[in-house]
Amino acid sequence: MSTMDGMTGGMTGQLDMGAVIKELFAVLGRNFVTFLVLTLILVGIPALLTGYLQMTYMRAGTIFAWQPLLANFAVAIGSLILQCTVIYGAVTDLNGKRASLGACLSVGLASFLPVLGIGILFYIACVIGFILLIVPAFLLITAWIVAVPVYVAERPGLIASFGRSAELTRGNRWRIFALLIVYIVVFIIIEAVTGVFGNASRIASGAGIPMFQALFLTPLIAVVSGLVTSTGVATLYVELRRVRDGVGPSELAAVFD
């Protein structure tokens, strides 16, 4: 068995990448309005603020300002809370019900501080991995990719969430890595296409960061990325629980009752 998949005494099931992708869009389609509103609140508004501040300070000739950095931090925090809200919404959906916007937000905000700790530790570990080599960083990402849903649904504790995520992903990490590559390629294409419009508007406006890019393109990419990422991680977690533990959405939904 490869290093990516880790050491294990026996796998209980193989992850179906096609099923994960299909479930992602099915869950997203059934809950599009709720998930979109959550993403706009938690990621879109901070991204819009970030774009506005960057545009403002660059037009003023300011090289460094703490306000855009703070706004970027708000985007990161919002993305973490979004994962919490979407895992609840996805599990509820797969159990044949519909989660309300208020219920999703309630679950997300209740998990805010521990999930922030998970996000900080995850970020530090990945930065160290990228400094050493790119491969260790991707090993950590594939192993710990469902740490946030693990905490929200199972409450094993902050540090234990990483171990539990590694346990769930063991034996399927190459498949998860392939999903990540597909995701990265898709968003590279999106970034390239939007970059063409951004460059065109930059030339037309003669500014460092034009209004169209700062107030539309940047927030739009952040919203689409947040929506797909959060729903994808949630459905990946549910599918891993199914193939590894034989646990279905009804058992997961009982956690939130």
Protein backbone atom coordinates (compact mmCIF):
# COMPACT_ATOMS: atom_id res chain seq x y z
CA MET A 1 0.00 0.00 0.00
CA SER A 2 1.27 3.46 -0.83
CA THR A 3 2.31 6.18 1.61
CA MET A 4 -0.56 8.37 0.42
CA ASP A 5 -3.11 5.78 1.50
CA GLY A 6 -1.30 5.10 4.76
CA MET A 7 -0.97 1.97 6.82
CA THR A 8 -4.12 0.01 7.57
CA GLY A 9 -5.03 -3.45 8.65
CA GLY A 10 -7.94 -3.60 6.20
CA MET A 11 -10.26 -1.32 4.32
CA THR A 12 -14.00 -1.51 4.70
CA GLY A 13 -14.78 0.10 1.34
CA GLN A 14 -13.54 1.96 -1.69
CA LEU A 15 -14.60 5.52 -2.32
CA ASP A 16 -16.59 6.02 -5.52
CA MET A 17 -15.38 9.34 -6.95
CA GLY A 18 -18.27 9.48 -9.39
CA ALA A 19 -20.75 9.03 -6.53
CA VAL A 20 -19.14 11.87 -4.56
CA ILE A 21 -19.32 14.26 -7.52
CA LYS A 22 -22.88 13.22 -8.36
CA GLU A 23 -23.98 13.62 -4.73
CA LEU A 24 -22.26 17.00 -4.51
CA PHE A 25 -24.33 18.46 -7.33
CA ALA A 26 -27.51 16.67 -6.20
CA VAL A 27 -27.24 18.09 -2.67
CA LEU A 28 -26.26 21.49 -4.02
CA GLY A 29 -29.15 21.53 -6.44
CA ARG A 30 -31.74 20.64 -3.80
CA ASN A 31 -30.41 23.23 -1.34
CA PHE A 32 -29.08 25.84 -3.75
CA VAL A 33 -30.89 28.87 -2.37
CA THR A 34 -30.09 28.07 1.28
CA PHE A 35 -26.44 27.24 0.60
CA LEU A 36 -26.03 30.25 -1.69
CA VAL A 37 -27.42 32.66 0.93
CA LEU A 38 -25.10 31.12 3.55
CA THR A 39 -22.14 31.50 1.20
CA LEU A 40 -23.02 35.09 0.36
CA ILE A 41 -23.25 35.98 4.06
CA LEU A 42 -20.17 34.11 5.27
CA VAL A 43 -17.84 34.41 2.25
CA GLY A 44 -19.31 36.77 -0.34
CA ILE A 45 -19.62 39.86 1.86
CA PRO A 46 -16.09 39.52 3.35
CA ALA A 47 -14.70 38.91 -0.17
CA LEU A 48 -16.50 42.01 -1.44
CA LEU A 49 -15.03 44.03 1.43
CA THR A 50 -11.57 42.62 0.68
CA GLY A 51 -11.81 43.60 -2.99
CA TYR A 52 -13.03 47.08 -2.15
CA LEU A 53 -10.25 47.72 0.38
CA GLN A 54 -7.55 46.39 -1.95
CA MET A 55 -8.84 48.59 -4.78
CA THR A 56 -9.04 51.63 -2.51
CA TYR A 57 -5.57 51.31 -1.02
CA MET A 58 -3.86 50.49 -4.32
CA ARG A 59 -5.48 53.49 -6.01
CA ALA A 60 -4.24 55.60 -3.10
CA GLY A 61 -0.72 54.24 -3.64
CA THR A 62 -0.58 52.48 -0.26
CA ILE A 63 1.82 49.53 -0.37
CA PHE A 64 0.68 47.89 2.87
CA ALA A 65 -2.50 48.21 4.90
CA TRP A 66 -3.82 45.99 7.66
CA GLN A 67 -7.50 46.39 6.71
CA PRO A 68 -7.37 44.18 3.56
CA LEU A 69 -5.45 41.54 5.52
CA LEU A 70 -8.14 41.59 8.20
CA ALA A 71 -10.82 41.25 5.52
CA ASN A 72 -9.00 38.27 4.01
CA PHE A 73 -8.89 36.69 7.46
CA ALA A 74 -12.65 37.21 7.69
CA VAL A 75 -13.06 35.32 4.39
CA ALA A 76 -11.04 32.41 5.80
CA ILE A 77 -13.08 32.34 9.00
CA GLY A 78 -16.32 32.58 7.04
CA SER A 79 -15.24 29.62 4.90
CA LEU A 80 -14.71 27.50 8.02
CA ILE A 81 -18.11 28.41 9.47
CA LEU A 82 -19.63 27.71 6.05
CA GLN A 83 -18.28 24.15 6.16
CA CYS A 84 -20.04 23.66 9.51
CA THR A 85 -23.35 24.98 8.20
CA VAL A 86 -23.20 22.94 5.00
CA ILE A 87 -22.34 19.63 6.69
CA TYR A 88 -25.49 20.02 8.76
CA GLY A 89 -27.51 20.96 5.68
CA ALA A 90 -26.08 18.10 3.60
CA VAL A 91 -26.67 15.44 6.26
CA THR A 92 -30.21 16.71 6.80
CA ASP A 93 -30.83 16.71 3.04
CA LEU A 94 -29.52 13.17 2.55
CA ASN A 95 -31.85 12.09 5.33
CA GLY A 96 -34.76 13.27 3.20
CA LYS A 97 -35.40 16.56 4.98
CA ARG A 98 -34.61 20.23 4.41
CA ALA A 99 -32.48 22.25 6.79
CA SER A 100 -33.53 25.84 7.36
CA LEU A 101 -31.14 28.75 6.97
CA GLY A 102 -31.41 29.52 10.69
CA ALA A 103 -30.70 25.94 11.75
CA CYS A 104 -27.62 25.76 9.50
CA LEU A 105 -26.27 29.06 10.84
CA SER A 106 -26.94 27.96 14.42
CA VAL A 107 -24.85 24.80 13.98
CA GLY A 108 -22.06 26.74 12.24
CA LEU A 109 -21.81 29.48 14.84
CA ALA A 110 -21.96 26.98 17.73
CA SER A 111 -18.85 25.26 16.33
CA PHE A 112 -17.00 28.49 15.53
CA LEU A 113 -14.15 28.51 18.10
CA PRO A 114 -13.11 24.83 17.88
CA VAL A 115 -13.33 24.91 14.09
CA LEU A 116 -11.21 28.08 14.05
CA GLY A 117 -8.60 26.13 16.02
CA ILE A 118 -8.78 23.30 13.48
CA GLY A 119 -8.37 25.80 10.64
CA ILE A 120 -5.33 27.45 12.23
CA LEU A 121 -3.60 24.13 12.95
CA PHE A 122 -4.43 22.87 9.46
CA TYR A 123 -3.02 26.03 7.88
CA ILE A 124 0.21 25.94 9.92
CA ALA A 125 0.79 22.26 9.12
CA CYS A 126 0.19 22.82 5.40
CA VAL A 127 2.52 25.86 5.30
CA ILE A 128 5.26 23.78 6.92
CA GLY A 129 4.52 21.00 4.41
CA PHE A 130 4.84 23.39 1.47
CA ILE A 131 8.08 24.82 2.88
CA LEU A 132 9.58 21.33 3.15
CA LEU A 133 8.21 20.07 -0.15
CA ILE A 134 4.87 20.22 -1.96
CA VAL A 135 4.19 16.49 -1.47
CA PRO A 136 3.98 16.56 2.38
CA ALA A 137 1.43 19.37 2.16
CA PHE A 138 -0.79 17.36 -0.16
CA LEU A 139 -0.40 14.32 2.11
CA LEU A 140 -1.74 16.39 5.00
CA ILE A 141 -4.55 17.92 2.94
CA THR A 142 -5.82 14.53 1.74
CA ALA A 143 -5.55 13.03 5.24
CA TRP A 144 -7.21 15.91 7.10
CA ILE A 145 -9.68 17.11 4.48
CA VAL A 146 -12.76 16.11 6.51
CA ALA A 147 -11.49 17.29 9.92
CA VAL A 148 -14.13 20.04 10.14
CA PRO A 149 -17.11 17.78 9.29
CA VAL A 150 -15.70 15.20 11.72
CA TYR A 151 -15.74 17.73 14.53
CA VAL A 152 -19.22 19.02 13.71
CA ALA A 153 -20.83 15.59 13.34
CA GLU A 154 -18.85 13.47 15.84
CA ARG A 155 -17.39 15.92 18.40
CA PRO A 156 -14.24 13.89 19.10
CA GLY A 157 -12.28 16.95 20.28
CA LEU A 158 -10.12 19.44 18.40
CA ILE A 159 -6.90 17.41 18.04
CA ALA A 160 -8.72 14.09 17.78
CA SER A 161 -10.62 15.44 14.75
CA PHE A 162 -7.40 15.27 12.72
CA GLY A 163 -6.78 11.66 13.72
CA ARG A 164 -10.36 10.70 12.97
CA SER A 165 -10.15 12.39 9.55
CA ALA A 166 -6.93 10.49 8.82
CA GLU A 167 -8.68 7.27 9.82
CA LEU A 168 -11.64 7.93 7.53
CA THR A 169 -9.51 8.87 4.51
CA ARG A 170 -7.03 6.00 4.93
CA GLY A 171 -7.16 3.67 1.97
CA ASN A 172 -8.85 6.26 -0.26
CA ARG A 173 -6.36 9.11 -0.27
CA TRP A 174 -5.28 8.66 -3.89
CA ARG A 175 -8.91 8.92 -4.92
CA ILE A 176 -9.34 12.04 -2.78
CA PHE A 177 -6.13 13.43 -4.28
CA ALA A 178 -7.58 12.86 -7.76
CA LEU A 179 -10.73 14.75 -6.76
CA LEU A 180 -8.55 17.62 -5.51
CA ILE A 181 -6.67 17.73 -8.81
CA VAL A 182 -9.94 17.92 -10.75
CA TYR A 183 -11.12 20.70 -8.43
CA ILE A 184 -7.84 22.64 -8.81
CA VAL A 185 -7.83 22.32 -12.61
CA VAL A 186 -11.44 23.54 -12.86
CA PHE A 187 -10.71 26.60 -10.75
CA ILE A 188 -7.47 27.32 -12.60
CA ILE A 189 -9.58 27.48 -15.78
CA ILE A 190 -12.13 29.73 -14.04
CA GLU A 191 -9.35 31.98 -12.74
CA ALA A 192 -7.80 32.15 -16.23
CA VAL A 193 -11.11 33.08 -17.87
CA THR A 194 -11.98 35.71 -15.27
CA GLY A 195 -8.39 36.95 -15.42
CA VAL A 196 -8.89 37.85 -19.07
CA PHE A 197 -11.88 40.03 -18.13
CA GLY A 198 -9.94 41.44 -15.17
CA ASN A 199 -6.98 42.42 -17.35
CA ALA A 200 -9.27 43.94 -19.95
CA SER A 201 -11.02 46.06 -17.32
CA ARG A 202 -7.66 47.01 -15.79
CA ILE A 203 -6.41 48.28 -19.15
CA ALA A 204 -9.66 50.12 -19.76
CA SER A 205 -9.67 51.78 -16.35
CA GLY A 206 -5.94 52.37 -16.10
CA ALA A 207 -6.10 51.43 -12.42
CA GLY A 208 -4.23 48.83 -10.38
CA ILE A 209 -7.36 46.91 -9.41
CA PRO A 210 -10.43 48.05 -11.38
CA MET A 211 -13.88 48.19 -9.81
CA PHE A 212 -15.25 45.35 -11.99
CA GLN A 213 -12.56 42.96 -10.79
CA ALA A 214 -12.60 44.07 -7.14
CA LEU A 215 -16.34 44.28 -6.65
CA PHE A 216 -17.56 41.52 -8.96
CA LEU A 217 -14.98 38.99 -10.20
CA THR A 218 -13.13 38.46 -6.90
CA PRO A 219 -16.29 38.03 -4.77
CA LEU A 220 -17.89 35.84 -7.47
CA ILE A 221 -14.94 33.42 -7.51
CA ALA A 222 -14.90 33.35 -3.71
CA VAL A 223 -18.63 32.53 -3.58
CA VAL A 224 -18.45 29.79 -6.22
CA SER A 225 -15.34 28.31 -4.60
CA GLY A 226 -16.88 28.42 -1.12
CA LEU A 227 -20.16 26.89 -2.30
CA VAL A 228 -18.54 23.99 -4.17
CA THR A 229 -15.79 23.36 -1.61
CA SER A 230 -18.07 23.27 1.42
CA THR A 231 -20.68 21.06 -0.25
CA GLY A 232 -17.95 18.82 -1.66
CA VAL A 233 -16.24 18.31 1.70
CA ALA A 234 -19.62 17.59 3.33
CA THR A 235 -20.64 14.99 0.76
CA LEU A 236 -17.15 13.47 0.85
CA TYR A 237 -17.45 13.05 4.61
CA VAL A 238 -20.88 11.41 4.34
CA GLU A 239 -19.63 9.05 1.64
CA LEU A 240 -16.53 8.15 3.68
CA ARG A 241 -18.71 7.37 6.69
CA ARG A 242 -20.81 5.12 4.49
CA VAL A 243 -17.96 3.14 2.93
CA ARG A 244 -15.71 3.04 6.02
CA ASP A 245 -18.21 2.70 8.88
CA GLY A 246 -21.42 1.59 7.18
CA VAL A 247 -23.15 4.65 8.64
CA GLY A 248 -25.94 6.30 6.67
CA PRO A 249 -27.38 9.83 6.70
CA SER A 250 -30.10 8.86 9.20
CA GLU A 251 -27.53 7.88 11.83
CA LEU A 252 -25.53 11.06 11.16
CA ALA A 253 -28.66 13.21 11.34
CA ALA A 254 -29.44 11.77 14.79
CA VAL A 255 -26.32 13.54 16.09
CA PHE A 256 -27.98 16.92 15.50
CA ASP A 257 -31.32 16.02 17.10
